């Protein structure tokens, strides 16, 4: 890969082959090339989204523990939070029941 830099030294143009404007060779794994192509932000965003998914489950479990120990009441939560928690709980129960049904079906067919 070949690049052209602006006056500040940042990459402003990229080419697969050397051209009159893109003369400086750069390694395809160079971090500044990732920044120029936006790959750094995409990877960071994907890691952040994955982390958020794990955190959602932690928060759900935390709310369940607080309710079980009577430290909070389900009705203490704002309505949108209650709706989201109930929706996720219902979806998880459906998913688990589908898994159980398919396992039972397999056992019966043996």
Foldseek 3Di string as FASTA:
>chain_A
DFFAADPVRATDDDDPDDDPRGHHDDDPPDPSVCVVVVVVVVVVVVVVVVVVVVVVVVVLVVVVVCCVVVVDPLVVDDPVVSVVSVVVVVVVVVVVVVVVVVVVVVVVVD
